[in-house]
C-alpha cells in the first residue's frame, strides 16, 4: 500500500541534502503523478506546513529561469529523526 503523499514528501527530505517544490514533484511523479495534490501550489503548502511544524528548515531561495521564486528546504537532524520515527518505509 502506498503511503499518503504528504508522508512521501516528508520521507523524501530524509534522503536528500535539500530540495525545492519542483524537486519534490520530479522525484515523486512516477509514483504519485496521478494525485491532484502533486501540484506546485499544494506541494509548497505542504513544505510550508512542515516548516511551521519544525520538520523542515528553509535553506536558501533563488529565482528560476521564469523568474519564479524557488525556496529550498532540508530536514535537519532532529526533523529527519522525527520523520523517520513516525513514518516507516
Protein backbone atom coordinates (compact mmCIF):
# COMPACT_ATOMS: atom_id res chain seq x y z
CA UNK A 1 0.00 0.00 0.00
CA UNK A 2 1.27 3.44 -0.94
CA UNK A 3 1.89 5.92 1.88
CA UNK A 4 -0.03 9.23 1.84
CA UNK A 5 1.53 11.89 -0.39
CA UNK A 6 2.42 14.22 2.49
CA UNK A 7 4.27 11.34 4.17
CA UNK A 8 6.13 10.60 0.93
CA UNK A 9 7.11 14.28 0.67
CA UNK A 10 8.50 14.28 4.21
CA UNK A 11 10.34 10.97 3.70
CA UNK A 12 11.91 12.36 0.52
CA UNK A 13 13.59 15.06 2.63
CA UNK A 14 15.33 12.38 4.70
CA UNK A 15 17.09 11.19 1.52
CA UNK A 16 18.38 14.49 0.06
CA UNK A 17 20.57 17.38 1.24
CA UNK A 18 17.95 19.94 0.19
CA UNK A 19 15.12 20.30 -2.29
CA UNK A 20 12.51 22.71 -3.60
CA UNK A 21 8.89 22.01 -4.59
CA UNK A 22 9.89 21.27 -8.19
CA UNK A 23 12.47 18.71 -6.98
CA UNK A 24 9.80 17.01 -4.87
CA UNK A 25 7.39 16.85 -7.81
CA UNK A 26 10.07 15.42 -10.11
CA UNK A 27 11.08 12.82 -7.54
CA UNK A 28 7.55 11.66 -6.74
CA UNK A 29 5.76 11.97 -10.09
CA UNK A 30 6.41 8.39 -11.17
CA UNK A 31 4.61 7.04 -8.09
CA UNK A 32 2.20 9.89 -7.27
CA UNK A 33 1.75 11.61 -10.64
CA UNK A 34 -1.99 10.94 -10.67
CA UNK A 35 -2.53 12.66 -7.30
CA UNK A 36 -4.21 16.07 -7.57
CA UNK A 37 -2.10 17.31 -4.66
CA UNK A 38 1.16 16.75 -6.55
CA UNK A 39 0.94 20.25 -8.00
CA UNK A 40 3.32 23.09 -7.23
CA UNK A 41 0.95 25.13 -5.02
CA UNK A 42 -0.11 22.09 -2.98
CA UNK A 43 3.49 20.90 -2.54
CA UNK A 44 4.62 24.40 -1.48
CA UNK A 45 1.79 24.44 1.07
CA UNK A 46 2.89 21.04 2.41
CA UNK A 47 6.50 22.23 2.68
CA UNK A 48 5.49 25.42 4.50
CA UNK A 49 3.35 23.38 6.91
CA UNK A 50 6.25 21.01 7.58
CA UNK A 51 8.48 24.04 8.22
CA UNK A 52 5.94 25.56 10.61
CA UNK A 53 5.84 22.24 12.46
CA UNK A 54 9.63 22.13 12.78
CA UNK A 55 10.21 19.17 10.45
CA UNK A 56 11.89 21.16 7.66
CA UNK A 57 14.01 24.30 7.55
CA UNK A 58 14.40 26.78 4.74
CA UNK A 59 17.96 26.67 3.42
CA UNK A 60 18.02 29.17 0.54
CA UNK A 61 16.00 30.64 -2.27
CA UNK A 62 16.62 31.65 -5.87
CA UNK A 63 14.79 32.83 -8.95
CA UNK A 64 14.38 30.23 -11.69
CA UNK A 65 14.53 30.82 -15.46
CA UNK A 66 10.92 32.04 -15.49
CA UNK A 67 11.51 34.48 -12.59
CA UNK A 68 9.57 32.28 -10.18
CA UNK A 69 10.86 32.01 -6.64
CA UNK A 70 12.22 28.61 -5.64
CA UNK A 71 12.54 28.03 -1.92
CA UNK A 72 14.79 25.18 -0.82
CA UNK A 73 14.29 23.21 2.38
CA UNK A 74 16.08 20.46 4.25
CA UNK A 75 15.28 18.19 7.14
CA UNK A 76 17.69 18.96 9.94
CA UNK A 77 18.88 16.10 12.14
CA UNK A 78 16.01 16.45 14.61
CA UNK A 79 13.41 16.84 11.86
CA UNK A 80 14.71 13.80 9.96
CA UNK A 81 14.72 11.78 13.17
CA UNK A 82 11.10 12.73 13.88
CA UNK A 83 10.04 11.96 10.30
CA UNK A 84 11.74 8.56 10.39
CA UNK A 85 10.29 7.77 13.82
CA UNK A 86 6.69 8.31 12.72
CA UNK A 87 6.79 7.42 9.02
CA UNK A 88 8.17 3.95 8.39
CA UNK A 89 9.34 2.72 4.98
